[in-house]
N, C-alpha and C. Protein backbone atom coordinates (compact mmCIF):
# COMPACT_ATOMS: atom_id res chain seq x y z
N UNK A 1 1.29 -10.36 23.54
CA UNK A 1 0.52 -9.72 22.76
C UNK A 1 0.79 -9.32 21.43
N UNK A 2 1.95 -8.32 21.56
CA UNK A 2 2.53 -7.93 20.39
C UNK A 2 2.96 -8.80 19.38
N UNK A 3 3.46 -10.17 19.90
CA UNK A 3 4.01 -11.14 19.12
C UNK A 3 3.03 -11.90 18.41
N UNK A 4 1.93 -11.85 19.16
CA UNK A 4 0.80 -12.57 18.30
C UNK A 4 0.20 -11.84 17.31
N UNK A 5 0.02 -10.46 17.15
CA UNK A 5 -0.28 -9.72 16.56
C UNK A 5 0.71 -9.82 15.25
N UNK A 6 1.87 -9.82 15.64
CA UNK A 6 2.80 -9.89 14.54
C UNK A 6 2.73 -11.25 13.73
N UNK A 7 2.53 -12.17 14.56
CA UNK A 7 2.27 -13.63 13.87
C UNK A 7 1.16 -13.84 12.98
N UNK A 8 0.11 -13.13 13.63
CA UNK A 8 -1.19 -13.06 12.78
C UNK A 8 -1.20 -12.39 11.46
N UNK A 9 -0.44 -10.97 11.72
CA UNK A 9 -0.37 -10.06 10.76
C UNK A 9 0.55 -10.93 9.59
N UNK A 10 1.59 -11.51 10.03
CA UNK A 10 2.81 -12.13 9.09
C UNK A 10 1.98 -13.11 8.14
N UNK A 11 1.14 -13.70 8.80
CA UNK A 11 0.28 -14.91 8.17
C UNK A 11 -0.65 -14.38 7.12
N UNK A 12 -1.14 -13.28 7.58
CA UNK A 12 -2.31 -12.46 6.33
C UNK A 12 -1.29 -11.77 5.49
N UNK A 13 -0.22 -11.58 5.46
CA UNK A 13 0.45 -10.79 4.67
C UNK A 13 0.22 -9.12 4.52
N UNK A 14 -0.18 -8.76 3.27
CA UNK A 14 -0.56 -7.72 3.01
C UNK A 14 -1.80 -7.05 3.70
N UNK A 15 -2.83 -8.21 3.76
CA UNK A 15 -3.91 -7.90 4.29
C UNK A 15 -3.92 -7.51 5.82
N UNK A 16 -2.85 -8.13 6.56
CA UNK A 16 -2.48 -8.07 7.89
C UNK A 16 -1.89 -6.80 8.02
N UNK A 17 -1.05 -6.40 7.29
CA UNK A 17 -0.32 -4.84 7.41
C UNK A 17 -1.30 -3.77 7.16
N UNK A 18 -2.62 -4.10 6.12
CA UNK A 18 -3.37 -3.20 6.33
C UNK A 18 -4.02 -3.02 7.18
N UNK A 19 -4.62 -4.13 7.87
CA UNK A 19 -5.67 -3.75 9.13
C UNK A 19 -4.62 -3.27 10.50
N UNK A 20 -3.41 -3.70 10.63
CA UNK A 20 -2.54 -3.09 11.59
C UNK A 20 -2.47 -1.44 11.62
N UNK A 21 -2.17 -1.33 10.02
CA UNK A 21 -1.92 0.21 9.81
C UNK A 21 -3.13 1.09 9.96
N UNK A 22 -4.22 0.40 9.62
CA UNK A 22 -5.51 1.20 10.11
C UNK A 22 -5.95 1.59 11.42
N UNK A 23 -5.80 0.53 12.22
CA UNK A 23 -6.15 0.19 13.31
C UNK A 23 -5.02 1.32 14.26
N UNK A 24 -3.66 1.34 13.74
CA UNK A 24 -2.77 1.89 14.42
C UNK A 24 -2.96 3.51 14.08
N UNK A 25 -3.06 3.80 12.88
CA UNK A 25 -3.39 5.23 12.53
C UNK A 25 -4.72 5.66 13.09
N UNK A 26 -5.93 5.16 13.39
CA UNK A 26 -6.99 5.31 13.83
C UNK A 26 -7.02 5.40 15.25
N UNK A 27 -7.82 4.59 16.00
CA UNK A 27 -8.16 4.75 17.26
C UNK A 27 -7.29 3.83 18.49
N UNK A 28 -6.54 3.11 17.60
CA UNK A 28 -5.71 1.93 18.83
C UNK A 28 -4.35 2.37 18.34
N UNK A 29 -3.06 1.92 19.29
CA UNK A 29 -1.76 2.08 18.72
C UNK A 29 -1.03 0.70 18.81
N UNK A 30 -0.20 0.64 17.90
CA UNK A 30 0.39 -0.55 17.77
C UNK A 30 2.15 0.05 17.10
N UNK A 31 2.63 0.58 18.26
CA UNK A 31 3.99 1.24 17.86
C UNK A 31 5.13 0.42 17.17
N UNK A 32 5.27 0.72 16.02
CA UNK A 32 6.39 0.17 15.18
C UNK A 32 5.92 -1.25 14.73
N UNK A 33 4.96 -1.67 14.77
CA UNK A 33 4.62 -2.85 14.19
C UNK A 33 4.45 -2.73 12.86
N UNK A 34 4.07 -2.01 12.36
CA UNK A 34 4.15 -2.10 10.75
C UNK A 34 5.35 -1.77 10.22
N UNK A 35 6.30 -0.97 10.89
CA UNK A 35 7.62 -0.73 10.37
C UNK A 35 8.33 -2.14 10.46
N UNK A 36 8.33 -2.90 11.63
CA UNK A 36 8.72 -4.27 11.93
C UNK A 36 8.50 -5.07 10.77
N UNK A 37 7.19 -5.12 10.61
CA UNK A 37 6.34 -6.36 9.74
C UNK A 37 7.02 -6.04 8.33
N UNK A 38 6.88 -4.69 8.00
CA UNK A 38 7.26 -4.48 6.37
C UNK A 38 8.80 -5.18 6.24
N UNK A 39 9.61 -4.86 7.10
CA UNK A 39 11.04 -5.39 7.14
C UNK A 39 11.16 -6.92 7.27
N UNK A 40 10.27 -7.39 7.83
CA UNK A 40 10.39 -8.63 8.24
C UNK A 40 9.68 -9.31 6.90
N UNK A 41 8.44 -9.19 6.23
CA UNK A 41 7.84 -9.69 5.29
C UNK A 41 8.52 -9.43 4.28
N UNK A 42 9.26 -8.27 3.92
CA UNK A 42 10.13 -7.71 2.75
C UNK A 42 11.41 -8.50 2.64
N UNK A 43 11.83 -8.87 3.79
CA UNK A 43 13.25 -9.80 3.94
C UNK A 43 12.84 -11.11 3.52
N UNK A 44 11.62 -11.67 3.82
CA UNK A 44 11.26 -13.31 3.51
C UNK A 44 10.87 -13.15 2.10
N UNK A 45 10.20 -12.17 1.60
CA UNK A 45 9.39 -12.31 0.22
C UNK A 45 9.80 -10.75 -0.48
N UNK A 46 11.06 -10.67 -0.90
CA UNK A 46 11.48 -9.39 -1.76
C UNK A 46 10.56 -8.90 -2.92
N UNK A 47 9.96 -9.93 -3.58
CA UNK A 47 9.35 -9.58 -4.52
C UNK A 47 8.01 -8.85 -4.34
N UNK A 48 7.51 -9.33 -3.20
CA UNK A 48 6.24 -8.46 -2.54
C UNK A 48 6.41 -7.27 -2.14
N UNK A 49 7.52 -6.66 -1.69
CA UNK A 49 7.81 -5.52 -1.12
C UNK A 49 6.86 -4.43 -1.38
N UNK A 50 6.60 -4.03 -2.88
CA UNK A 50 5.63 -3.07 -3.17
C UNK A 50 4.32 -3.31 -2.55
N UNK A 51 3.84 -4.50 -2.50
CA UNK A 51 2.40 -4.85 -2.10
C UNK A 51 2.44 -4.57 -0.61
N UNK A 52 3.52 -5.13 0.21
CA UNK A 52 3.43 -4.96 1.51
C UNK A 52 3.41 -3.17 1.81
N UNK A 53 4.26 -2.61 1.43
CA UNK A 53 4.33 -1.17 1.63
C UNK A 53 3.17 -0.64 1.09
N UNK A 54 2.62 -0.78 0.04
CA UNK A 54 1.31 -0.16 -0.21
C UNK A 54 0.05 -0.70 0.34
N UNK A 55 -0.03 -1.81 0.97
CA UNK A 55 -1.10 -1.82 1.67
C UNK A 55 -0.87 -1.09 3.27
N UNK A 56 0.35 -1.15 3.75
CA UNK A 56 0.43 -0.62 4.86
C UNK A 56 0.23 1.19 4.61
N UNK A 57 0.60 1.69 3.79
CA UNK A 57 0.32 2.97 3.36
C UNK A 57 -1.19 3.45 3.17
N UNK A 58 -1.79 2.46 2.48
CA UNK A 58 -3.48 2.55 2.16
C UNK A 58 -4.13 2.40 3.46
N UNK A 59 -3.54 1.40 4.43
CA UNK A 59 -4.36 1.22 5.84
C UNK A 59 -3.98 2.68 6.41
N UNK A 60 -2.85 3.11 6.57
CA UNK A 60 -2.51 4.31 7.36
C UNK A 60 -3.45 5.42 7.07
N UNK A 61 -3.42 5.64 5.55
CA UNK A 61 -4.24 6.64 5.00
C UNK A 61 -5.62 6.79 5.36
N UNK A 62 -6.38 5.49 5.56
CA UNK A 62 -7.65 5.43 5.75
C UNK A 62 -7.93 5.38 7.21
N UNK A 63 -6.97 5.07 8.02
CA UNK A 63 -7.17 5.23 9.47
C UNK A 63 -6.90 6.56 9.90
N UNK A 64 -6.06 7.16 9.19
CA UNK A 64 -6.03 8.70 9.64
C UNK A 64 -7.10 9.69 9.27
N UNK A 65 -7.84 9.02 7.96
CA UNK A 65 -9.04 9.99 7.48
C UNK A 65 -9.89 9.57 8.66
N UNK A 66 -10.25 8.27 9.17
CA UNK A 66 -11.24 8.06 10.21
C UNK A 66 -10.94 8.82 11.44
N UNK A 67 -9.85 9.55 12.00
CA UNK A 67 -9.54 9.93 13.20
C UNK A 67 -10.06 11.65 12.61
N UNK A 68 -9.17 11.89 11.44
CA UNK A 68 -9.56 13.24 11.13
C UNK A 68 -10.77 13.57 10.72
N UNK A 69 -11.88 12.92 10.27
CA UNK A 69 -13.13 12.97 10.28
C UNK A 69 -14.00 13.22 11.38
N UNK A 70 -13.38 12.47 12.47
CA UNK A 70 -14.32 12.51 13.67
C UNK A 70 -13.88 13.95 14.03
N UNK A 71 -12.55 14.56 14.18
CA UNK A 71 -12.22 15.93 14.57
C UNK A 71 -12.78 16.86 13.70
N UNK A 72 -12.97 16.57 12.44
CA UNK A 72 -13.29 17.67 11.38
C UNK A 72 -14.59 17.85 11.79
N UNK A 73 -15.59 16.93 12.14
CA UNK A 73 -16.87 17.22 12.23
C UNK A 73 -17.04 18.16 13.50
N UNK A 74 -16.10 17.81 14.56
CA UNK A 74 -16.36 18.50 15.79
C UNK A 74 -15.49 19.91 15.65
N UNK A 75 -14.85 20.10 14.76
CA UNK A 75 -14.29 21.32 14.58
C UNK A 75 -13.12 21.61 15.69
N UNK A 76 -13.00 23.05 15.55
CA UNK A 76 -11.72 23.48 16.38
C UNK A 76 -12.10 23.40 17.99
N UNK A 77 -13.45 23.50 18.15
CA UNK A 77 -14.13 23.16 19.56
C UNK A 77 -13.74 21.81 20.03
N UNK A 78 -13.90 20.87 19.42
CA UNK A 78 -13.59 19.52 19.49
C UNK A 78 -12.00 19.68 20.00
N UNK A 79 -11.19 20.27 19.30
CA UNK A 79 -9.89 20.18 19.95
C UNK A 79 -9.47 20.76 21.04
N UNK A 80 -10.09 22.26 21.18
CA UNK A 80 -9.93 22.98 22.53
C UNK A 80 -10.49 22.44 23.70
N UNK A 81 -11.51 21.43 23.47
CA UNK A 81 -11.80 20.62 24.65
C UNK A 81 -11.02 19.37 24.96
N UNK A 82 -10.27 18.84 23.92
CA UNK A 82 -9.55 17.80 24.49
C UNK A 82 -8.15 17.88 24.56
N UNK A 83 -7.61 19.00 23.77
CA UNK A 83 -6.10 19.26 24.34
C UNK A 83 -6.02 20.37 24.92
N UNK A 84 -5.13 20.67 25.94
CA UNK A 84 -4.81 21.81 26.67
C UNK A 84 -3.55 22.65 26.35
N UNK A 85 -3.61 23.71 26.76
CA UNK A 85 -2.27 24.15 26.51
C UNK A 85 -2.67 25.33 25.72
N UNK A 86 -1.48 26.41 25.73
CA UNK A 86 -1.80 27.89 25.19
C UNK A 86 -1.19 27.74 23.59
N UNK A 87 -0.79 26.19 23.11
CA UNK A 87 -0.23 26.60 21.94
C UNK A 87 -1.14 25.91 20.90
N UNK A 88 -2.74 25.70 21.28
CA UNK A 88 -3.59 25.01 20.48
C UNK A 88 -3.73 26.03 19.15
N UNK A 89 -3.73 27.26 19.60
CA UNK A 89 -3.98 28.55 18.69
C UNK A 89 -2.93 28.46 17.79
N UNK A 90 -1.85 28.33 18.13
CA UNK A 90 -0.66 28.93 17.24
C UNK A 90 -0.67 27.53 16.34
N UNK A 91 -0.74 26.37 17.02
CA UNK A 91 -0.80 25.11 16.02
C UNK A 91 -1.65 25.16 15.03
N UNK A 92 -2.88 25.44 15.38
CA UNK A 92 -4.24 25.37 14.30
C UNK A 92 -3.67 26.33 13.09
N UNK A 93 -3.08 27.58 13.89
CA UNK A 93 -2.79 28.61 12.54
C UNK A 93 -1.77 28.13 11.70
N UNK A 94 -0.78 27.38 12.22
CA UNK A 94 0.15 26.82 11.30
C UNK A 94 -0.35 25.78 10.38
N UNK A 95 -1.50 24.94 10.84
CA UNK A 95 -1.79 24.14 10.02
C UNK A 95 -2.84 24.67 8.76
N UNK A 96 -3.47 25.79 9.29
CA UNK A 96 -4.21 26.49 8.26
C UNK A 96 -3.24 27.11 7.26
N UNK A 97 -2.18 27.43 7.74
CA UNK A 97 -1.38 28.13 6.62
C UNK A 97 -0.57 27.12 5.87
N UNK A 98 -0.07 26.18 6.38
CA UNK A 98 1.02 25.50 5.93
C UNK A 98 0.44 23.81 5.70
N UNK A 99 -0.82 23.42 5.66
CA UNK A 99 -1.61 22.25 5.74
C UNK A 99 -0.80 21.17 5.31
N UNK A 100 -0.25 20.93 3.96
CA UNK A 100 0.45 19.80 3.43
C UNK A 100 1.62 19.69 4.24
N UNK A 101 2.55 20.55 4.43
CA UNK A 101 3.72 20.54 4.74
C UNK A 101 3.72 19.95 6.60
N UNK A 102 2.50 20.40 7.08
CA UNK A 102 2.39 20.22 8.55
C UNK A 102 1.88 18.86 8.72
N UNK A 103 1.46 18.13 7.81
CA UNK A 103 1.29 16.72 7.98
C UNK A 103 2.38 15.97 7.40
N UNK A 104 2.94 16.22 6.14
CA UNK A 104 3.91 15.32 5.81
C UNK A 104 5.41 15.05 6.55
N UNK A 105 5.75 16.25 7.25
CA UNK A 105 6.84 16.26 8.18
C UNK A 105 6.48 15.06 9.18
N UNK A 106 5.57 15.32 10.06
CA UNK A 106 5.24 14.25 11.11
C UNK A 106 5.06 12.83 10.85
N UNK A 107 4.43 12.95 9.51
CA UNK A 107 4.13 11.62 9.00
C UNK A 107 5.75 10.59 8.40
N UNK A 108 6.58 11.19 8.25
CA UNK A 108 7.70 10.87 8.06
C UNK A 108 8.50 10.36 9.80
N UNK A 109 8.42 10.94 10.63
CA UNK A 109 9.08 10.69 11.93
C UNK A 109 8.48 9.67 12.45
N UNK A 110 9.61 8.63 13.15
CA UNK A 110 9.43 7.56 13.71
C UNK A 110 8.69 7.77 15.19
N UNK A 111 8.26 6.62 15.63
CA UNK A 111 7.82 6.72 17.07
C UNK A 111 9.15 7.05 17.83
N UNK A 112 8.94 7.61 18.90
CA UNK A 112 7.70 7.98 19.86
C UNK A 112 6.70 9.29 19.27
N UNK A 113 7.36 9.78 18.16
CA UNK A 113 6.52 10.97 17.82
C UNK A 113 4.88 10.74 17.88
N UNK A 114 4.41 11.27 18.51
CA UNK A 114 2.73 11.12 18.60
C UNK A 114 2.12 11.58 17.08
N UNK A 115 1.87 11.03 15.92
CA UNK A 115 1.20 11.32 14.94
C UNK A 115 -0.13 11.66 15.16
N UNK A 116 -0.85 10.98 15.72
CA UNK A 116 -1.95 11.49 15.93
C UNK A 116 -2.29 12.63 16.47
N UNK A 117 -1.36 13.36 17.11
CA UNK A 117 -1.87 14.77 17.43
C UNK A 117 -1.89 15.56 16.45
N UNK A 118 -1.21 15.49 15.25
CA UNK A 118 -0.91 15.93 14.31
C UNK A 118 -2.14 15.67 13.09
N UNK A 119 -2.39 14.59 13.32
CA UNK A 119 -3.80 14.35 12.42
C UNK A 119 -5.09 14.99 13.23
N UNK A 120 -4.92 14.96 14.65
CA UNK A 120 -6.25 15.64 15.33
C UNK A 120 -5.98 17.21 14.84
N UNK A 121 -4.78 17.79 15.07
CA UNK A 121 -4.58 19.10 14.33
C UNK A 121 -5.18 19.65 13.15
N UNK A 122 -4.76 18.67 12.25
CA UNK A 122 -5.17 18.75 10.72
C UNK A 122 -6.57 18.82 10.72
N UNK A 123 -7.38 17.70 11.31
CA UNK A 123 -8.91 17.89 11.43
C UNK A 123 -9.64 19.10 12.00
N UNK A 124 -8.85 19.69 13.14
CA UNK A 124 -9.40 20.74 13.75
C UNK A 124 -9.11 21.99 13.06
N UNK A 125 -7.91 22.03 12.39
CA UNK A 125 -7.90 23.30 11.32
C UNK A 125 -8.52 23.14 10.21
N UNK A 126 -9.42 22.11 9.75
CA UNK A 126 -9.87 22.10 8.58
C UNK A 126 -8.84 22.25 7.35
N UNK A 127 -8.05 21.32 7.54
CA UNK A 127 -7.13 21.09 6.35
C UNK A 127 -7.74 20.51 5.21
N UNK A 128 -7.73 20.71 4.03
CA UNK A 128 -8.61 20.08 3.06
C UNK A 128 -8.40 18.72 3.20
N UNK A 129 -9.56 17.91 2.98
CA UNK A 129 -9.27 16.60 2.63
C UNK A 129 -8.21 16.11 1.84
N UNK A 130 -8.53 16.76 0.73
CA UNK A 130 -7.46 16.52 -0.48
C UNK A 130 -5.85 16.57 0.01
N UNK A 131 -5.90 17.67 0.59
CA UNK A 131 -4.23 18.21 1.31
C UNK A 131 -3.83 17.20 2.15
N UNK A 132 -4.93 16.69 3.07
CA UNK A 132 -4.35 16.11 4.17
C UNK A 132 -4.12 14.55 3.91
N UNK A 133 -5.12 14.06 2.70
CA UNK A 133 -4.80 12.56 2.22
C UNK A 133 -3.54 12.56 1.25
N UNK A 134 -3.15 13.95 0.58
CA UNK A 134 -2.01 13.73 0.02
C UNK A 134 -0.67 13.85 0.68
N UNK A 135 -0.87 14.70 1.68
CA UNK A 135 0.27 14.69 2.86
C UNK A 135 0.39 13.35 3.62
N UNK A 136 -0.43 12.64 3.95
CA UNK A 136 -0.20 11.49 4.64
C UNK A 136 0.13 10.36 3.67
N UNK A 137 -0.31 10.37 2.42
CA UNK A 137 0.20 9.22 1.56
C UNK A 137 1.80 9.58 1.03
N UNK A 138 2.12 10.55 0.88
CA UNK A 138 3.35 11.14 0.72
C UNK A 138 4.38 10.78 1.68
N UNK A 139 3.98 11.11 3.21
CA UNK A 139 4.80 10.68 4.28
C UNK A 139 4.93 9.14 4.39
N UNK A 140 3.62 8.87 4.47
CA UNK A 140 3.78 7.36 5.25
C UNK A 140 4.08 6.57 3.79
N UNK A 141 4.09 6.84 2.66
CA UNK A 141 4.74 6.17 1.22
C UNK A 141 6.17 6.27 1.35
N UNK A 142 6.80 7.29 1.46
CA UNK A 142 8.31 7.42 1.69
C UNK A 142 8.73 6.60 2.94
N UNK A 143 7.95 6.45 4.18
CA UNK A 143 8.35 5.73 5.25
C UNK A 143 8.57 4.37 4.76
N UNK A 144 7.07 3.90 4.44
CA UNK A 144 7.00 2.25 4.22
C UNK A 144 7.94 1.85 3.03
N UNK A 145 7.88 2.49 1.96
CA UNK A 145 8.47 1.94 0.88
C UNK A 145 10.14 2.15 1.09
N UNK A 146 10.57 2.95 1.71
CA UNK A 146 12.00 3.40 2.12
C UNK A 146 12.24 2.21 3.18
N UNK A 147 11.41 1.86 4.22
CA UNK A 147 11.78 0.53 4.89
C UNK A 147 11.65 -0.77 4.13
N UNK A 148 10.71 -1.10 3.23
CA UNK A 148 10.77 -1.98 2.37
C UNK A 148 12.08 -1.94 1.62
N UNK A 149 12.16 -0.86 1.08
CA UNK A 149 13.51 -0.81 0.14
C UNK A 149 14.84 -1.31 0.84
N UNK A 150 14.83 -0.80 2.11
CA UNK A 150 16.12 -1.31 2.88
C UNK A 150 16.13 -2.65 3.35
N UNK A 151 14.95 -3.31 3.28
CA UNK A 151 14.69 -4.56 3.67
C UNK A 151 15.33 -5.71 2.25
N UNK A 152 14.84 -5.21 1.25
CA UNK A 152 15.27 -6.08 0.03
C UNK A 152 16.40 -6.00 0.02
N UNK A 153 17.22 -4.78 0.16
CA UNK A 153 18.72 -4.45 -0.08
C UNK A 153 19.44 -5.03 0.89
N UNK A 154 19.06 -5.02 2.07
CA UNK A 154 19.98 -5.69 3.29
C UNK A 154 19.51 -6.74 3.82
N UNK A 155 18.48 -7.29 3.80
CA UNK A 155 17.76 -8.49 4.39
C UNK A 155 17.61 -8.02 5.75
N UNK A 156 18.04 -9.27 6.51
CA UNK A 156 17.82 -9.17 8.22
C UNK A 156 18.42 -8.12 8.49
N UNK A 157 19.74 -7.55 8.18
CA UNK A 157 20.31 -6.66 8.81
C UNK A 157 19.61 -5.26 8.46
N UNK A 158 18.78 -5.21 7.84
CA UNK A 158 17.79 -3.79 7.58
C UNK A 158 17.07 -3.76 9.15
N UNK A 159 16.50 -4.78 9.66
CA UNK A 159 16.03 -4.43 10.86
C UNK A 159 16.78 -3.86 12.12
N UNK A 160 18.03 -4.59 12.12
CA UNK A 160 18.84 -3.88 13.14
C UNK A 160 19.30 -2.42 12.70
N UNK A 161 19.50 -2.30 11.32
CA UNK A 161 19.89 -0.83 10.89
C UNK A 161 18.73 0.16 11.18
N UNK A 162 17.51 -0.21 11.11
CA UNK A 162 16.40 0.71 11.54
C UNK A 162 16.33 0.70 12.75
N UNK A 163 16.63 -0.25 13.76
CA UNK A 163 16.45 -0.21 15.00
C UNK A 163 17.50 0.85 15.80
N UNK A 164 18.80 0.79 15.11
CA UNK A 164 19.84 1.80 15.22
C UNK A 164 19.84 3.10 14.94
N UNK A 165 19.38 3.60 13.56
CA UNK A 165 19.35 4.41 12.82
C UNK A 165 17.94 4.96 12.47
N UNK A 166 17.01 4.22 12.62
CA UNK A 166 15.42 4.86 12.34
C UNK A 166 15.35 5.96 12.73
N UNK A 167 15.78 6.36 13.92
CA UNK A 167 14.94 7.90 14.40
C UNK A 167 16.01 8.92 13.64
N UNK A 168 17.25 8.79 13.39
CA UNK A 168 17.90 9.71 12.80
C UNK A 168 17.48 9.76 11.38
N UNK A 169 17.21 8.54 10.65
CA UNK A 169 16.71 8.69 9.24
C UNK A 169 15.44 9.29 9.22
N UNK A 170 14.46 9.02 9.85
CA UNK A 170 13.32 9.83 10.04
C UNK A 170 13.29 11.42 10.42
N UNK A 171 14.43 11.58 11.28
CA UNK A 171 14.37 12.94 11.44
C UNK A 171 14.83 13.81 10.31
N UNK A 172 16.00 13.08 9.69
CA UNK A 172 16.83 13.68 8.59
C UNK A 172 15.48 13.96 7.25
N UNK A 173 15.00 12.79 7.10
CA UNK A 173 13.84 13.00 6.16
C UNK A 173 12.97 14.25 6.41
N UNK A 174 12.50 14.41 7.63
CA UNK A 174 11.31 15.25 8.03
C UNK A 174 11.95 16.78 7.81
N UNK A 175 13.49 16.73 8.24
CA UNK A 175 14.12 17.91 8.02
C UNK A 175 14.16 18.48 6.58
N UNK A 176 14.57 17.40 5.57
CA UNK A 176 14.62 17.67 4.38
C UNK A 176 13.28 17.85 3.67
N UNK A 177 12.07 17.31 4.28
CA UNK A 177 10.74 17.70 3.54
C UNK A 177 10.27 19.27 4.08
N UNK A 178 10.91 19.55 5.36
CA UNK A 178 10.39 20.83 5.85
C UNK A 178 11.36 22.03 5.16
N UNK A 179 12.53 21.76 4.92
CA UNK A 179 13.44 22.47 3.96
C UNK A 179 12.75 22.69 2.58
N UNK A 180 12.55 21.67 2.03
CA UNK A 180 11.93 21.55 0.53
C UNK A 180 10.50 22.12 0.54
N UNK A 181 9.89 22.19 1.75
CA UNK A 181 8.55 23.04 1.72
C UNK A 181 8.75 24.55 1.68
N UNK A 182 9.67 24.72 2.81
CA UNK A 182 9.96 26.19 2.81
C UNK A 182 10.43 27.06 1.61
N UNK A 183 11.37 25.98 0.61
CA UNK A 183 11.86 26.65 -0.53
C UNK A 183 10.68 26.83 -1.50
N UNK A 184 9.69 25.75 -1.51
CA UNK A 184 8.62 26.04 -2.30
C UNK A 184 7.79 27.25 -1.94
N UNK A 185 7.31 27.50 -0.46
CA UNK A 185 6.64 28.34 -0.18
C UNK A 185 7.22 29.67 -0.35
N UNK A 186 8.72 29.66 -0.16
CA UNK A 186 9.38 30.99 -0.68
C UNK A 186 9.11 31.45 -2.05
N UNK A 187 9.27 30.55 -2.86
CA UNK A 187 9.30 30.47 -4.41
C UNK A 187 8.01 31.24 -4.75
N UNK A 188 7.05 30.45 -4.22
CA UNK A 188 5.65 31.11 -4.50
C UNK A 188 5.50 32.43 -3.93
N UNK A 189 5.92 32.67 -2.68
CA UNK A 189 5.65 34.06 -2.31
C UNK A 189 6.46 35.20 -3.35
N UNK A 190 7.54 34.73 -3.60
CA UNK A 190 8.53 35.74 -4.54
C UNK A 190 7.78 36.12 -6.00
N UNK A 191 7.01 34.73 -6.39
CA UNK A 191 6.07 35.00 -7.55
C UNK A 191 4.99 35.96 -7.25
N UNK A 192 4.24 36.04 -6.21
CA UNK A 192 3.52 36.99 -6.08
C UNK A 192 3.97 38.66 -5.73
């Protein structure tokens, strides 16, 4: 099934990437399908890489907004009914306090990190739509444009490189984003 979806998306190019990213970020899951397709298509058509990465990013942002909107309408009670555990309250507090950073970091992480949980938490914590959209755009933009760039730079070796080191790169980027966010927050507090 995954091979059929990849073949279909490859034939459609950027539109296929948009649809896969939208579905994957909303109510269905296609783990790593977009990551692999960006690398494959950018290797075959290097001049089109910004288009492929941009369409994937746009599809992901819209898909995340669909999920975010459903939870935001239901509010915190929706989340508490769907997610169990004593950490939901703490997680919601973190999102209310660090909205942008709490979405950018997980958006950079590779699968199997369940990004949808972070989207659900952002909706339940009522993170502002502007902050949420900006965070997903930054996180997914770095991820997809970075993968496309590696594909253009290294060709077919990029897919193998991402298979071997993708998790470490994603974690490294997330740690960097978290450190940068903490520095910015610290500087803001210092000014106050």
